[in-house]
C-alpha atoms as a PDB file:
ATOM      1  CA  GLN A   1     -15.325   1.861  11.424  1.00  0.00           C
ATOM      2  CA  VAL A   2     -12.360   2.992   9.750  1.00  0.00           C
ATOM      3  CA  GLN A   3     -12.145   4.848   6.290  1.00  0.00           C
ATOM      4  CA  LEU A   4      -8.723   5.058   4.255  1.00  0.00           C
ATOM      5  CA  VAL A   5      -8.158   7.200   1.268  1.00  0.00           C
ATOM      6  CA  GLU A   6      -5.276   6.645  -0.893  1.00  0.00           C
ATOM      7  CA  SER A   7      -4.283   9.739  -2.999  1.00  0.00           C
ATOM      8  CA  GLY A   8      -0.495  10.219  -4.947  1.00  0.00           C
ATOM      9  CA  GLY A   9      -0.739   7.909  -7.962  1.00  0.00           C
ATOM     10  CA  GLY A  10      -0.686   9.363 -11.882  1.00  0.00           C
ATOM     11  CA  LEU A  11       0.884   9.019 -15.020  1.00  0.00           C
ATOM     12  CA  VAL A  12       4.862   8.450 -15.129  1.00  0.00           C
ATOM     13  CA  GLN A  13       7.166   6.679 -17.015  1.00  0.00           C
ATOM     14  CA  ALA A  14       9.396   3.841 -16.681  1.00  0.00           C
ATOM     15  CA  GLY A  15      12.441   4.463 -14.205  1.00  0.00           C
ATOM     16  CA  GLY A  16      10.602   7.535 -12.388  1.00  0.00           C
ATOM     17  CA  SER A  17       9.008   8.099  -8.968  1.00  0.00           C
ATOM     18  CA  LEU A  18       5.817   8.550  -7.124  1.00  0.00           C
ATOM     19  CA  ARG A  19       4.669   8.689  -3.626  1.00  0.00           C
ATOM     20  CA  LEU A  20       1.566   7.290  -2.566  1.00  0.00           C
ATOM     21  CA  SER A  21       0.181   7.942   0.841  1.00  0.00           C
ATOM     22  CA  CYS A  22      -3.146   6.466   2.884  1.00  0.00           C
ATOM     23  CA  ALA A  23      -4.592   8.033   5.376  1.00  0.00           C
ATOM     24  CA  ALA A  24      -6.401   6.189   7.736  1.00  0.00           C
ATOM     25  CA  SER A  25      -9.569   8.016  10.169  1.00  0.00           C
ATOM     26  CA  GLY A  26     -12.341   6.841  12.206  1.00  0.00           C
ATOM     27  CA  ARG A  27     -11.556   4.544  14.812  1.00  0.00           C
ATOM     28  CA  THR A  28      -7.920   4.585  14.617  1.00  0.00           C
ATOM     29  CA  SER A  29      -7.437   3.746  17.967  1.00  0.00           C
ATOM     30  CA  ASN A  30      -5.964   0.091  17.403  1.00  0.00           C
ATOM     31  CA  ILE A  31      -3.930  -0.487  14.268  1.00  0.00           C
ATOM     32  CA  TYR A  32      -1.945  -3.361  13.933  1.00  0.00           C
ATOM     33  CA  ALA A  33      -0.853  -3.592  10.323  1.00  0.00           C
ATOM     34  CA  MET A  34      -1.586  -1.231   7.116  1.00  0.00           C
ATOM     35  CA  ALA A  35      -0.393  -2.587   3.875  1.00  0.00           C
ATOM     36  CA  TRP A  36      -0.532  -1.975   0.077  1.00  0.00           C
ATOM     37  CA  PHE A  37      -1.980  -4.304  -2.428  1.00  0.00           C
ATOM     38  CA  ARG A  38      -2.200  -3.749  -6.315  1.00  0.00           C
ATOM     39  CA  GLN A  39      -4.645  -5.096  -9.051  1.00  0.00           C
ATOM     40  CA  ALA A  40      -3.922  -4.728 -12.635  1.00  0.00           C
ATOM     41  CA  PRO A  41      -6.762  -5.130 -15.312  1.00  0.00           C
ATOM     42  CA  GLY A  42      -7.626  -8.671 -15.276  1.00  0.00           C
ATOM     43  CA  LYS A  43      -5.307  -9.913 -12.723  1.00  0.00           C
ATOM     44  CA  GLU A  44      -6.043 -11.030  -9.114  1.00  0.00           C
ATOM     45  CA  ARG A  45      -5.021  -8.231  -6.776  1.00  0.00           C
ATOM     46  CA  ASP A  46      -1.574  -9.138  -5.341  1.00  0.00           C
ATOM     47  CA  PHE A  47       0.423  -8.403  -2.203  1.00  0.00           C
ATOM     48  CA  VAL A  48       2.913  -5.242  -2.551  1.00  0.00           C
ATOM     49  CA  ALA A  49       4.271  -4.675   1.153  1.00  0.00           C
ATOM     50  CA  HIS A  50       3.422  -4.053   4.543  1.00  0.00           C
ATOM     51  CA  ILE A  51       4.171  -2.433   7.952  1.00  0.00           C
ATOM     52  CA  SER A  52       3.477  -3.735  11.436  1.00  0.00           C
ATOM     53  CA  TRP A  53       2.104  -0.479  13.101  1.00  0.00           C
ATOM     54  CA  SER A  54       3.938  -0.747  16.846  1.00  0.00           C
ATOM     55  CA  ARG A  55       7.584  -1.995  15.801  1.00  0.00           C
ATOM     56  CA  GLY A  56       7.755  -0.633  11.640  1.00  0.00           C
ATOM     57  CA  THR A  57       8.759  -4.143  10.639  1.00  0.00           C
ATOM     58  CA  THR A  58       8.434  -4.244   6.495  1.00  0.00           C
ATOM     59  CA  LEU A  59       7.590  -6.657   4.345  1.00  0.00           C
ATOM     60  CA  TYR A  60       7.583  -6.863   0.405  1.00  0.00           C
ATOM     61  CA  ALA A  61       7.062  -8.384  -2.723  1.00  0.00           C
ATOM     62  CA  ASP A  62       9.557 -10.099  -4.340  1.00  0.00           C
ATOM     63  CA  SER A  63       8.715  -8.347  -7.964  1.00  0.00           C
ATOM     64  CA  VAL A  64       9.147  -4.434  -5.665  1.00  0.00           C
ATOM     65  CA  LYS A  65      12.365  -5.418  -3.116  1.00  0.00           C
ATOM     66  CA  GLY A  66      14.745  -2.711  -3.766  1.00  0.00           C
ATOM     67  CA  ARG A  67      12.520  -0.501  -6.017  1.00  0.00           C
ATOM     68  CA  PHE A  68       9.835   0.332  -3.797  1.00  0.00           C
ATOM     69  CA  ALA A  69       9.296   1.766   0.587  1.00  0.00           C
ATOM     70  CA  ILE A  70       6.740   1.622   2.907  1.00  0.00           C
ATOM     71  CA  SER A  71       7.015   3.711   5.835  1.00  0.00           C
ATOM     72  CA  ARG A  72       4.337   5.564   8.324  1.00  0.00           C
ATOM     73  CA  ASP A  73       3.521   8.500  10.407  1.00  0.00           C
ATOM     74  CA  SER A  74       1.822   7.540  13.611  1.00  0.00           C
ATOM     75  CA  ALA A  75       0.859  10.675  14.585  1.00  0.00           C
ATOM     76  CA  LYS A  76      -1.240  11.406  11.109  1.00  0.00           C
ATOM     77  CA  ASN A  77      -2.542   7.571  10.778  1.00  0.00           C
ATOM     78  CA  THR A  78      -0.446   7.983   7.583  1.00  0.00           C
ATOM     79  CA  VAL A  79       0.950   4.908   5.611  1.00  0.00           C
ATOM     80  CA  TYR A  80       3.512   5.878   2.198  1.00  0.00           C
ATOM     81  CA  LEU A  81       4.376   4.091  -0.043  1.00  0.00           C
ATOM     82  CA  GLN A  82       7.751   5.579  -2.447  1.00  0.00           C
ATOM     83  CA  MET A  83       7.708   3.688  -5.488  1.00  0.00           C
ATOM     84  CA  ASN A  84      10.904   4.365  -7.789  1.00  0.00           C
ATOM     85  CA  SER A  85      12.407   2.949 -10.572  1.00  0.00           C
ATOM     86  CA  LEU A  86       9.529   2.397 -11.522  1.00  0.00           C
ATOM     87  CA  LYS A  87       8.438  -0.544 -15.070  1.00  0.00           C
ATOM     88  CA  PRO A  88       5.756  -0.757 -17.113  1.00  0.00           C
ATOM     89  CA  GLU A  89       4.579  -4.099 -15.064  1.00  0.00           C
ATOM     90  CA  ASP A  90       3.811  -1.622 -12.284  1.00  0.00           C
ATOM     91  CA  THR A  91       0.968  -0.290 -13.316  1.00  0.00           C
ATOM     92  CA  ALA A  92      -1.968  -1.193 -11.524  1.00  0.00           C
ATOM     93  CA  LEU A  93      -5.089   0.481  -9.468  1.00  0.00           C
ATOM     94  CA  TYR A  94      -2.852   0.394  -5.669  1.00  0.00           C
ATOM     95  CA  TYR A  95      -5.227  -0.178  -2.595  1.00  0.00           C
ATOM     96  CA  CYS A  96      -3.967   0.738   1.231  1.00  0.00           C
ATOM     97  CA  ALA A  97      -5.216  -1.881   3.685  1.00  0.00           C
ATOM     98  CA  LEU A  98      -5.813  -1.284   7.289  1.00  0.00           C
ATOM     99  CA  GLU A  99      -6.013  -4.357  10.145  1.00  0.00           C
ATOM    100  CA  PRO A 100      -7.099  -3.437  13.536  1.00  0.00           C
ATOM    101  CA  PHE A 101      -6.367  -5.921  15.654  1.00  0.00           C
ATOM    102  CA  ASN A 102      -4.169  -9.705  14.463  1.00  0.00           C
ATOM    103  CA  ILE A 103      -2.926 -10.718  11.029  1.00  0.00           C
ATOM    104  CA  ILE A 104      -1.395 -14.355  10.387  1.00  0.00           C
ATOM    105  CA  ASN A 105      -0.180 -13.970   7.397  1.00  0.00           C
ATOM    106  CA  PRO A 106       0.452 -10.146   5.838  1.00  0.00           C
ATOM    107  CA  THR A 107       0.254 -10.677   2.552  1.00  0.00           C
ATOM    108  CA  ARG A 108      -2.637 -12.362   2.559  1.00  0.00           C
ATOM    109  CA  GLY A 109      -5.915  -9.704   1.796  1.00  0.00           C
ATOM    110  CA  SER A 110      -8.121 -11.228   3.583  1.00  0.00           C
ATOM    111  CA  ASP A 111      -6.116 -10.824   7.355  1.00  0.00           C
ATOM    112  CA  TYR A 112      -7.130  -6.635   6.488  1.00  0.00           C
ATOM    113  CA  ASP A 113     -10.230  -5.746   7.379  1.00  0.00           C
ATOM    114  CA  TYR A 114     -10.849  -2.088   6.182  1.00  0.00           C
ATOM    115  CA  TRP A 115      -9.976  -1.083   2.378  1.00  0.00           C
ATOM    116  CA  GLY A 116      -9.489   2.129   0.756  1.00  0.00           C
ATOM    117  CA  GLY A 117     -10.872   2.731  -2.767  1.00  0.00           C
ATOM    118  CA  GLY A 118      -7.611   2.674  -4.881  1.00  0.00           C
ATOM    119  CA  THR A 119      -5.332   5.046  -6.906  1.00  0.00           C
ATOM    120  CA  GLN A 120      -4.599   4.365  -9.934  1.00  0.00           C
ATOM    121  CA  VAL A 121      -0.721   4.392 -10.861  1.00  0.00           C
ATOM    122  CA  THR A 122       0.100   4.132 -14.868  1.00  0.00           C
ATOM    123  CA  VAL A 123       3.594   3.366 -16.095  1.00  0.00           C
ATOM    124  CA  SER A 124       4.746   4.162 -19.595  1.00  0.00           C
ATOM    125  CA  SER A 125       7.156   2.183 -21.777  1.00  0.00           C
END
């Protein structure tokens, strides 16, 4: 089993920045990729960003491209999401996800086996 714990969420004004962290523990000997998703109230969970663990290849949703940056620290089994130029529409519960072995579609939540409990990001206008 793998446990994921997110941190770094909070309340920020529009135009501000936040850095989310997600630490993986437990059976972390196999990490194929990690990702961030978000879910706003009354909406479906949406893909935000993905990073492959071995090469560090990244993928972003169009809505965050150029503003958010995903990175990883393999030694700490931790993934980060640097969020700049935040907008009110970025307000959501942010989840990190981990897949140990393989991914067909990195933007699809069902391709990831493990999920954290989420951290709330609120952007005021």
